[in-house]
Every structure is written in C-alpha cells, then in structure tokens.
Amino acid sequence: MKTEDCFRIGSILKTKGLKGEMQLYIDFEGAEKIKITSLFIDLAGKLVPYFVTSIKYLQKNQAYLFLEDIDTIEKASALVKKDLYLPNKLKPKKKKDEFTLKDVKGFIAVDETHGELGEILDIVEYPQQLIATVQYKNKEVLFPLNVDIIKGIDVEGGEIYIALPDGLLDVYLED
C-alpha cells in the first residue's frame, strides 16, 4: 500500500499501561464514524498493516487503541510518534454542502490580474485564517483564503478564482 492510496487519520502519542495499549491523537474529522478493523502505520516510510483489536474514542481528538500482536509496552513503544493511515476507500464521501476551504487543495488558482497561478499544493490552517500554497514561476507563493481574496469557486471544474492584493506576487518574484 502506498501513501497516496491512503489518508492520514492521526498519530500515536504514547503508550498506556503495560499490555500494549496506545493513546492516539486523531486529527481526521469523522474518524469515529469509520469502522476501523485494520490500519496502516508509517514505519520508516513504508506503510505496515496492523489489525485493530479495539479502539475507544475519548474526546474529539483522542482515542485508545489495541492492535493485534502488540501486547507489551515494549512493542507499543516502538510505534510511538508514528502516523496512522486508512485506505482511501474508507474515506467518508463529503456531501456538497460539507465543502470547506480546506477542500480546494488540488484546485487550480486563477487570479483576476495574473491569470492561472497553478495548482494549490497545500493549505495550512493558522488560528486567524487559512493559507494556500502554489508554485508560480518556480517560486513558492503563499496567499490567504478569505472572503476578500476569493471571488468564486468552481467545484466541478476544480478552479478557484481569486484577486490577490496588489504587489503580493511581486514580493515572491523579486530576487
């Protein structure tokens, strides 16, 4: 299984107890709605499958996990700080009304003045706003995703129409 065939749901924070139980940080919204019987753990860049014995969700972002054959604190300790993945086929389908700005990753950004900027490669959430990243003229360009900049979104066509503030691109393109 390759990383692109999966989606990340969280990571292992620490061990709990002596029988291999682990505490998870879940950063994928809706993970508790998925029936998880197995998952993949990223070990040195390879996704290794594990069968889930039990998973208990505590709060919004935390769960306790037992995996088959991980029955000692030593075995569990080796998995601490590792990322957890599920196959893409288990990813819940979003309804159209559940579309958020985080979903524009992979869309083509089209500026009113400069035309097509390129594909949105990443979206980072900061406390005050979301920041999108595109590769434009071999430079990484960051811009905020907010109501002042976004002029329209074509969900079916995979394009987002924006009006960047004057001079923003110049800052990135200067040498």
Protein backbone atom coordinates (compact mmCIF):
# COMPACT_ATOMS: atom_id res chain seq x y z
CA MET A 1 0.00 0.00 0.00
CA LYS A 2 1.36 3.41 -0.99
CA THR A 3 0.84 6.65 0.95
CA GLU A 4 -1.15 8.17 -1.95
CA ASP A 5 -3.63 5.25 -1.70
CA CYS A 6 -4.34 6.20 1.93
CA PHE A 7 -5.33 9.14 4.08
CA ARG A 8 -3.82 10.09 7.43
CA ILE A 9 -6.11 9.97 10.45
CA GLY A 10 -3.63 10.79 13.21
CA SER A 11 -0.63 9.57 15.14
CA ILE A 12 0.32 7.57 18.20
CA LEU A 13 1.04 9.88 21.15
CA LYS A 14 2.22 7.45 23.83
CA THR A 15 1.75 4.06 25.41
CA LYS A 16 -0.83 3.45 28.11
CA GLY A 17 -0.42 0.65 30.61
CA LEU A 18 1.74 -2.44 30.24
CA LYS A 19 -0.33 -4.53 27.79
CA GLY A 20 0.36 -2.61 24.58
CA GLU A 21 -2.46 -0.06 24.67
CA MET A 22 -1.63 3.22 22.93
CA GLN A 23 -3.07 6.71 23.12
CA LEU A 24 -3.80 8.31 19.74
CA TYR A 25 -4.17 11.83 18.52
CA ILE A 26 -6.89 11.81 15.85
CA ASP A 27 -6.78 14.82 13.54
CA PHE A 28 -9.19 13.50 10.90
CA GLU A 29 -12.73 14.75 11.43
CA GLY A 30 -15.25 11.93 11.46
CA ALA A 31 -12.79 9.10 12.19
CA GLU A 32 -15.10 7.77 14.91
CA LYS A 33 -17.78 7.12 12.24
CA ILE A 34 -15.48 4.76 10.30
CA LYS A 35 -15.47 1.06 11.25
CA ILE A 36 -11.74 0.50 11.63
CA THR A 37 -10.74 -3.18 11.59
CA SER A 38 -7.21 -2.57 10.35
CA LEU A 39 -4.94 0.38 9.71
CA PHE A 40 -1.52 1.21 8.38
CA ILE A 41 1.37 2.63 10.40
CA ASP A 42 4.16 4.55 8.70
CA LEU A 43 7.39 2.78 9.69
CA ALA A 44 10.48 4.28 8.02
CA GLY A 45 8.46 5.47 5.02
CA LYS A 46 6.65 2.15 4.49
CA LEU A 47 3.01 1.57 5.40
CA VAL A 48 2.78 -1.56 7.54
CA PRO A 49 -0.70 -3.11 8.11
CA TYR A 50 -1.97 -3.88 11.62
CA PHE A 51 -5.28 -5.41 12.74
CA VAL A 52 -7.23 -3.45 15.33
CA THR A 53 -8.33 -5.37 18.42
CA SER A 54 -10.17 -2.38 19.90
CA ILE A 55 -10.39 1.38 19.56
CA LYS A 56 -12.13 3.65 22.09
CA TYR A 57 -12.76 7.32 21.33
CA LEU A 58 -12.41 9.51 24.40
CA GLN A 59 -12.79 13.10 23.32
CA LYS A 60 -12.86 14.89 20.00
CA ASN A 61 -9.20 14.22 19.12
CA GLN A 62 -8.18 11.31 21.34
CA ALA A 63 -8.61 7.55 21.33
CA TYR A 64 -7.13 4.43 22.91
CA LEU A 65 -6.03 1.64 20.61
CA PHE A 66 -5.13 -2.04 20.97
CA LEU A 67 -3.51 -3.76 17.97
CA GLU A 68 -3.24 -7.49 17.34
CA ASP A 69 0.24 -8.83 18.30
CA ILE A 70 1.13 -5.59 20.14
CA ASP A 71 0.74 -6.94 23.67
CA THR A 72 3.63 -5.43 25.62
CA ILE A 73 4.72 -1.90 26.43
CA GLU A 74 7.99 -2.55 24.57
CA LYS A 75 6.21 -3.42 21.31
CA ALA A 76 3.88 -0.43 21.71
CA SER A 77 6.79 1.94 22.50
CA ALA A 78 8.33 1.20 19.10
CA LEU A 79 5.20 2.67 17.46
CA VAL A 80 5.04 5.94 19.43
CA LYS A 81 5.16 9.11 17.27
CA LYS A 82 4.21 7.13 14.13
CA ASP A 83 1.46 8.26 11.75
CA LEU A 84 -1.71 6.21 11.20
CA TYR A 85 -3.36 5.74 7.80
CA LEU A 86 -6.52 4.17 6.39
CA PRO A 87 -7.17 3.15 2.76
CA ASN A 88 -8.85 5.84 0.63
CA LYS A 89 -11.86 3.56 0.08
CA LEU A 90 -12.78 4.08 3.77
CA LYS A 91 -12.68 7.87 3.50
CA PRO A 92 -16.20 9.22 4.02
CA LYS A 93 -17.67 10.95 0.99
CA LYS A 94 -18.49 14.57 1.62
CA LYS A 95 -21.85 15.93 0.68
CA LYS A 96 -21.83 19.06 -1.46
CA ASP A 97 -22.96 21.19 1.48
CA GLU A 98 -19.96 19.96 3.53
CA PHE A 99 -17.43 21.56 1.17
CA THR A 100 -14.89 23.69 3.07
CA LEU A 101 -11.96 25.87 2.02
CA LYS A 102 -9.60 23.04 3.00
CA ASP A 103 -11.12 21.09 0.11
CA VAL A 104 -9.62 23.44 -2.52
CA LYS A 105 -6.25 21.68 -2.23
CA GLY A 106 -5.54 20.40 -5.73
CA PHE A 107 -7.67 23.11 -7.34
CA ILE A 108 -6.16 25.50 -9.91
CA ALA A 109 -5.83 29.07 -8.58
CA VAL A 110 -6.79 31.70 -11.18
CA ASP A 111 -6.02 35.33 -10.34
CA GLU A 112 -8.03 38.21 -11.89
CA THR A 113 -4.87 40.08 -12.91
CA HIS A 114 -2.18 37.42 -13.45
CA GLY A 115 -4.30 34.55 -14.78
CA GLU A 116 -3.60 30.94 -13.86
CA LEU A 117 -1.16 30.69 -10.94
CA GLY A 118 -1.07 26.90 -10.67
CA GLU A 119 -2.35 24.07 -8.52
CA ILE A 120 -2.90 24.68 -4.81
CA LEU A 121 -0.30 22.31 -3.35
CA ASP A 122 -1.04 22.81 0.33
CA ILE A 123 -3.39 24.57 2.72
CA VAL A 124 -2.18 25.42 6.20
CA GLU A 125 -4.59 26.43 8.95
CA TYR A 126 -3.47 29.23 11.24
CA PRO A 127 -5.55 30.50 14.16
CA GLN A 128 -6.79 33.50 12.18
CA GLN A 129 -7.00 32.13 8.62
CA LEU A 130 -6.15 29.52 6.01
CA ILE A 131 -3.06 29.99 3.81
CA ALA A 132 -2.78 28.38 0.35
CA THR A 133 0.48 27.48 -1.38
CA VAL A 134 1.06 27.43 -5.15
CA GLN A 135 4.18 27.04 -7.28
CA TYR A 136 4.26 30.08 -9.61
CA LYS A 137 7.19 30.75 -11.96
CA ASN A 138 9.32 28.29 -9.93
CA LYS A 139 8.65 30.19 -6.69
CA GLU A 140 6.53 29.11 -3.75
CA VAL A 141 3.75 31.67 -3.33
CA LEU A 142 1.52 31.88 -0.25
CA PHE A 143 -1.78 33.70 -0.09
CA PRO A 144 -4.67 33.82 2.38
CA LEU A 145 -8.00 32.17 1.65
CA ASN A 146 -10.64 34.65 2.80
CA VAL A 147 -13.72 36.47 1.54
CA ASP A 148 -11.67 39.48 0.39
CA ILE A 149 -9.50 37.39 -1.94
CA ILE A 150 -11.80 34.58 -3.13
CA LYS A 151 -14.09 35.71 -5.95
CA GLY A 152 -15.55 32.31 -6.82
CA ILE A 153 -15.07 28.54 -6.68
CA ASP A 154 -15.89 26.09 -9.48
CA VAL A 155 -16.17 22.84 -7.50
CA GLU A 156 -16.89 20.65 -10.55
CA GLY A 157 -14.14 22.28 -12.67
CA GLY A 158 -11.61 22.31 -9.83
CA GLU A 159 -10.81 26.03 -10.05
CA ILE A 160 -10.76 28.82 -7.50
CA TYR A 161 -10.95 32.40 -8.70
CA ILE A 162 -9.06 34.95 -6.63
CA ALA A 163 -8.00 38.60 -6.62
CA LEU A 164 -4.58 38.84 -4.97
CA PRO A 165 -3.67 42.12 -3.26
CA ASP A 166 -1.56 44.45 -5.41
CA GLY A 167 2.14 43.65 -5.09
CA LEU A 168 1.76 40.27 -3.35
CA LEU A 169 3.19 38.30 -6.27
CA ASP A 170 5.99 40.88 -6.70
CA VAL A 171 7.21 40.09 -3.17
CA TYR A 172 7.74 36.44 -4.15
CA LEU A 173 9.15 37.07 -7.62
CA GLU A 174 11.84 39.59 -6.60
CA ASP A 175 15.35 38.19 -6.48
